[in-house]
Amino acid sequence: MKIRNLRWGILVLLLLASILNYVDRQALSILAPTIQADLRLSDADYGRIASFFLIACTVASLLSGRNGMLWVRGRAWRSSSAGGRVRTC
């Protein structure tokens, strides 16, 4: 059974996930005054925390993207006929 416009549906879902990811990262800056007041942080302290958070997000994105690609390549290799022959030899 063929689903009509499946590619566009997947594209819309990916777009929504990207927008949600962007908004989620911006929530930290929107709540900055509240966080600073509650934890009694100076602007420099808050800047360090926000920088570490964004660096951690960047590193996590890079690692998860790399691991995802390795996982997909591994599955594709194992499911191919050449990969099956090499693995069993």
N, C-alpha and C. Protein backbone atom coordinates (compact mmCIF):
# COMPACT_ATOMS: atom_id res chain seq x y z
N MET A 1 0.84 -1.17 0.00
CA MET A 1 0.00 0.00 0.00
C MET A 1 0.88 1.24 0.00
N LYS A 2 0.62 2.15 -0.90
CA LYS A 2 1.41 3.36 -1.02
C LYS A 2 0.70 4.51 -0.32
N ILE A 3 1.42 5.20 0.53
CA ILE A 3 0.87 6.34 1.25
C ILE A 3 1.17 7.60 0.44
N ARG A 4 0.12 8.35 0.12
CA ARG A 4 0.31 9.55 -0.67
C ARG A 4 1.02 10.63 0.16
N ASN A 5 1.94 11.34 -0.48
CA ASN A 5 2.64 12.47 0.12
C ASN A 5 3.40 12.09 1.39
N LEU A 6 3.91 10.89 1.46
CA LEU A 6 4.67 10.44 2.63
C LEU A 6 5.92 11.29 2.82
N ARG A 7 6.59 11.62 1.73
CA ARG A 7 7.82 12.42 1.84
C ARG A 7 7.53 13.78 2.45
N TRP A 8 6.45 14.40 2.02
CA TRP A 8 6.11 15.71 2.58
C TRP A 8 5.73 15.60 4.05
N GLY A 9 5.06 14.54 4.42
CA GLY A 9 4.72 14.34 5.82
C GLY A 9 5.95 14.18 6.69
N ILE A 10 6.91 13.42 6.20
CA ILE A 10 8.16 13.24 6.94
C ILE A 10 8.91 14.56 7.03
N LEU A 11 8.92 15.32 5.94
CA LEU A 11 9.59 16.62 5.95
C LEU A 11 8.96 17.57 6.96
N VAL A 12 7.64 17.57 7.04
CA VAL A 12 6.95 18.43 8.01
C VAL A 12 7.28 18.00 9.43
N LEU A 13 7.32 16.71 9.69
CA LEU A 13 7.67 16.22 11.03
C LEU A 13 9.10 16.61 11.41
N LEU A 14 10.03 16.51 10.47
CA LEU A 14 11.40 16.92 10.74
C LEU A 14 11.49 18.42 10.98
N LEU A 15 10.73 19.21 10.23
CA LEU A 15 10.70 20.65 10.44
C LEU A 15 10.17 20.99 11.82
N LEU A 16 9.09 20.35 12.22
CA LEU A 16 8.53 20.59 13.56
C LEU A 16 9.50 20.18 14.66
N ALA A 17 10.21 19.08 14.47
CA ALA A 17 11.20 18.66 15.46
C ALA A 17 12.33 19.67 15.57
N SER A 18 12.76 20.23 14.44
CA SER A 18 13.82 21.24 14.45
C SER A 18 13.36 22.51 15.15
N ILE A 19 12.12 22.93 14.87
CA ILE A 19 11.59 24.13 15.52
C ILE A 19 11.48 23.91 17.03
N LEU A 20 10.99 22.76 17.44
CA LEU A 20 10.88 22.46 18.87
C LEU A 20 12.25 22.44 19.53
N ASN A 21 13.24 21.89 18.87
CA ASN A 21 14.60 21.87 19.40
C ASN A 21 15.13 23.30 19.58
N TYR A 22 14.90 24.16 18.61
CA TYR A 22 15.35 25.55 18.69
C TYR A 22 14.66 26.28 19.83
N VAL A 23 13.34 26.12 19.94
CA VAL A 23 12.59 26.79 21.00
C VAL A 23 13.04 26.28 22.37
N ASP A 24 13.31 25.00 22.47
CA ASP A 24 13.75 24.42 23.74
C ASP A 24 15.07 25.04 24.19
N ARG A 25 15.99 25.24 23.25
CA ARG A 25 17.27 25.85 23.61
C ARG A 25 17.11 27.32 23.99
N GLN A 26 16.12 27.99 23.42
CA GLN A 26 15.91 29.41 23.73
C GLN A 26 15.20 29.60 25.07
N ALA A 27 14.60 28.57 25.59
CA ALA A 27 13.90 28.68 26.88
C ALA A 27 14.86 29.07 27.99
N LEU A 28 16.10 28.64 27.90
CA LEU A 28 17.09 28.99 28.92
C LEU A 28 17.34 30.50 28.96
N SER A 29 17.41 31.12 27.80
CA SER A 29 17.64 32.58 27.77
C SER A 29 16.38 33.35 28.15
N ILE A 30 15.21 32.80 27.86
CA ILE A 30 13.97 33.49 28.25
C ILE A 30 13.82 33.50 29.77
N LEU A 31 14.23 32.41 30.39
CA LEU A 31 14.11 32.30 31.85
C LEU A 31 15.32 32.84 32.60
N ALA A 32 16.25 33.49 31.92
CA ALA A 32 17.48 33.96 32.54
C ALA A 32 17.24 34.83 33.77
N PRO A 33 16.41 35.85 33.72
CA PRO A 33 16.23 36.68 34.92
C PRO A 33 15.69 35.89 36.12
N THR A 34 14.77 34.99 35.86
CA THR A 34 14.21 34.18 36.95
C THR A 34 15.26 33.26 37.54
N ILE A 35 16.05 32.63 36.69
CA ILE A 35 17.10 31.71 37.16
C ILE A 35 18.16 32.48 37.94
N GLN A 36 18.55 33.64 37.42
CA GLN A 36 19.57 34.44 38.11
C GLN A 36 19.08 34.89 39.48
N ALA A 37 17.85 35.32 39.57
CA ALA A 37 17.32 35.77 40.86
C ALA A 37 17.18 34.61 41.84
N ASP A 38 16.71 33.48 41.35
CA ASP A 38 16.48 32.34 42.22
C ASP A 38 17.78 31.75 42.76
N LEU A 39 18.81 31.68 41.92
CA LEU A 39 20.08 31.08 42.33
C LEU A 39 21.14 32.11 42.73
N ARG A 40 20.77 33.37 42.69
CA ARG A 40 21.68 34.48 43.03
C ARG A 40 22.96 34.42 42.20
N LEU A 41 22.79 34.38 40.89
CA LEU A 41 23.92 34.31 39.96
C LEU A 41 24.20 35.68 39.37
N SER A 42 25.48 35.98 39.20
CA SER A 42 25.84 37.21 38.48
C SER A 42 25.68 36.96 36.99
N ASP A 43 25.81 38.03 36.21
CA ASP A 43 25.71 37.88 34.75
C ASP A 43 26.82 36.98 34.22
N ALA A 44 28.02 37.10 34.78
CA ALA A 44 29.15 36.27 34.34
C ALA A 44 28.90 34.80 34.67
N ASP A 45 28.39 34.52 35.87
CA ASP A 45 28.09 33.14 36.25
C ASP A 45 27.03 32.54 35.33
N TYR A 46 25.98 33.31 35.06
CA TYR A 46 24.93 32.81 34.18
C TYR A 46 25.48 32.60 32.77
N GLY A 47 26.34 33.49 32.32
CA GLY A 47 26.93 33.34 30.99
C GLY A 47 27.74 32.06 30.88
N ARG A 48 28.49 31.73 31.93
CA ARG A 48 29.26 30.48 31.92
C ARG A 48 28.34 29.26 31.86
N ILE A 49 27.29 29.28 32.65
CA ILE A 49 26.35 28.16 32.67
C ILE A 49 25.69 28.00 31.30
N ALA A 50 25.24 29.11 30.71
CA ALA A 50 24.60 29.04 29.40
C ALA A 50 25.58 28.56 28.34
N SER A 51 26.84 29.00 28.41
CA SER A 51 27.85 28.56 27.45
C SER A 51 28.11 27.06 27.57
N PHE A 52 28.24 26.58 28.80
CA PHE A 52 28.47 25.15 29.00
C PHE A 52 27.28 24.33 28.49
N PHE A 53 26.08 24.84 28.71
CA PHE A 53 24.88 24.15 28.24
C PHE A 53 24.88 24.05 26.71
N LEU A 54 25.17 25.15 26.03
CA LEU A 54 25.17 25.13 24.57
C LEU A 54 26.31 24.28 24.01
N ILE A 55 27.47 24.29 24.68
CA ILE A 55 28.58 23.43 24.25
C ILE A 55 28.19 21.96 24.42
N ALA A 56 27.54 21.64 25.53
CA ALA A 56 27.10 20.25 25.76
C ALA A 56 26.07 19.83 24.72
N CYS A 57 25.16 20.74 24.35
CA CYS A 57 24.17 20.42 23.30
C CYS A 57 24.86 20.17 21.96
N THR A 58 25.87 20.97 21.66
CA THR A 58 26.59 20.81 20.39
C THR A 58 27.32 19.48 20.35
N VAL A 59 28.03 19.15 21.42
CA VAL A 59 28.77 17.89 21.47
C VAL A 59 27.81 16.70 21.40
N ALA A 60 26.71 16.79 22.13
CA ALA A 60 25.73 15.69 22.10
C ALA A 60 25.13 15.52 20.71
N SER A 61 24.87 16.62 20.02
CA SER A 61 24.33 16.53 18.66
C SER A 61 25.32 15.88 17.72
N LEU A 62 26.58 16.28 17.83
CA LEU A 62 27.60 15.69 16.97
C LEU A 62 27.76 14.20 17.23
N LEU A 63 27.83 13.82 18.50
CA LEU A 63 28.01 12.41 18.83
C LEU A 63 26.80 11.57 18.46
N SER A 64 25.61 12.07 18.72
CA SER A 64 24.42 11.28 18.39
C SER A 64 24.25 11.17 16.87
N GLY A 65 24.59 12.21 16.14
CA GLY A 65 24.52 12.13 14.69
C GLY A 65 25.51 11.13 14.14
N ARG A 66 26.72 11.14 14.67
CA ARG A 66 27.75 10.20 14.22
C ARG A 66 27.36 8.77 14.57
N ASN A 67 26.90 8.56 15.79
CA ASN A 67 26.48 7.22 16.19
C ASN A 67 25.29 6.73 15.39
N GLY A 68 24.36 7.63 15.09
CA GLY A 68 23.22 7.25 14.28
C GLY A 68 23.64 6.82 12.88
N MET A 69 24.57 7.55 12.30
CA MET A 69 25.03 7.18 10.96
C MET A 69 25.78 5.85 10.98
N LEU A 70 26.59 5.62 12.01
CA LEU A 70 27.29 4.35 12.11
C LEU A 70 26.30 3.20 12.28
N TRP A 71 25.24 3.42 13.05
CA TRP A 71 24.24 2.39 13.26
C TRP A 71 23.51 2.08 11.96
N VAL A 72 23.14 3.13 11.21
CA VAL A 72 22.44 2.93 9.94
C VAL A 72 23.34 2.22 8.95
N ARG A 73 24.60 2.65 8.86
CA ARG A 73 25.53 2.00 7.94
C ARG A 73 25.74 0.54 8.31
N GLY A 74 25.85 0.26 9.60
CA GLY A 74 26.05 -1.11 10.05
C GLY A 74 24.86 -2.00 9.70
N ARG A 75 23.66 -1.48 9.89
CA ARG A 75 22.46 -2.26 9.54
C ARG A 75 22.39 -2.48 8.05
N ALA A 76 22.71 -1.44 7.27
CA ALA A 76 22.66 -1.59 5.82
C ALA A 76 23.70 -2.59 5.35
N TRP A 77 24.88 -2.56 5.97
CA TRP A 77 25.95 -3.47 5.58
C TRP A 77 25.58 -4.91 5.91
N ARG A 78 25.02 -5.13 7.09
CA ARG A 78 24.66 -6.49 7.49
C ARG A 78 23.50 -7.03 6.66
N SER A 79 22.60 -6.16 6.22
CA SER A 79 21.46 -6.64 5.46
C SER A 79 21.78 -6.85 3.99
N SER A 80 22.90 -6.30 3.52
CA SER A 80 23.25 -6.51 2.12
C SER A 80 23.85 -7.91 1.94
N SER A 81 23.82 -8.40 0.73
CA SER A 81 24.33 -9.75 0.49
C SER A 81 25.85 -9.80 0.66
N ALA A 82 26.55 -8.74 0.26
CA ALA A 82 28.01 -8.73 0.42
C ALA A 82 28.39 -8.73 1.90
N GLY A 83 27.66 -7.95 2.68
CA GLY A 83 27.95 -7.89 4.11
C GLY A 83 27.70 -9.23 4.77
N GLY A 84 26.67 -9.92 4.36
CA GLY A 84 26.38 -11.23 4.93
C GLY A 84 27.47 -12.23 4.60
N ARG A 85 27.98 -12.18 3.38
CA ARG A 85 29.05 -13.10 3.00
C ARG A 85 30.35 -12.80 3.73
N VAL A 86 30.65 -11.52 3.87
CA VAL A 86 31.90 -11.17 4.55
C VAL A 86 31.82 -11.55 6.03
N ARG A 87 30.66 -11.34 6.63
CA ARG A 87 30.51 -11.63 8.04
C ARG A 87 30.60 -13.12 8.34
N THR A 88 30.11 -13.96 7.46
CA THR A 88 30.11 -15.39 7.72
C THR A 88 31.40 -16.08 7.30
N CYS A 89 32.24 -15.40 6.58
CA CYS A 89 33.50 -16.03 6.12
C CYS A 89 34.52 -16.13 7.22
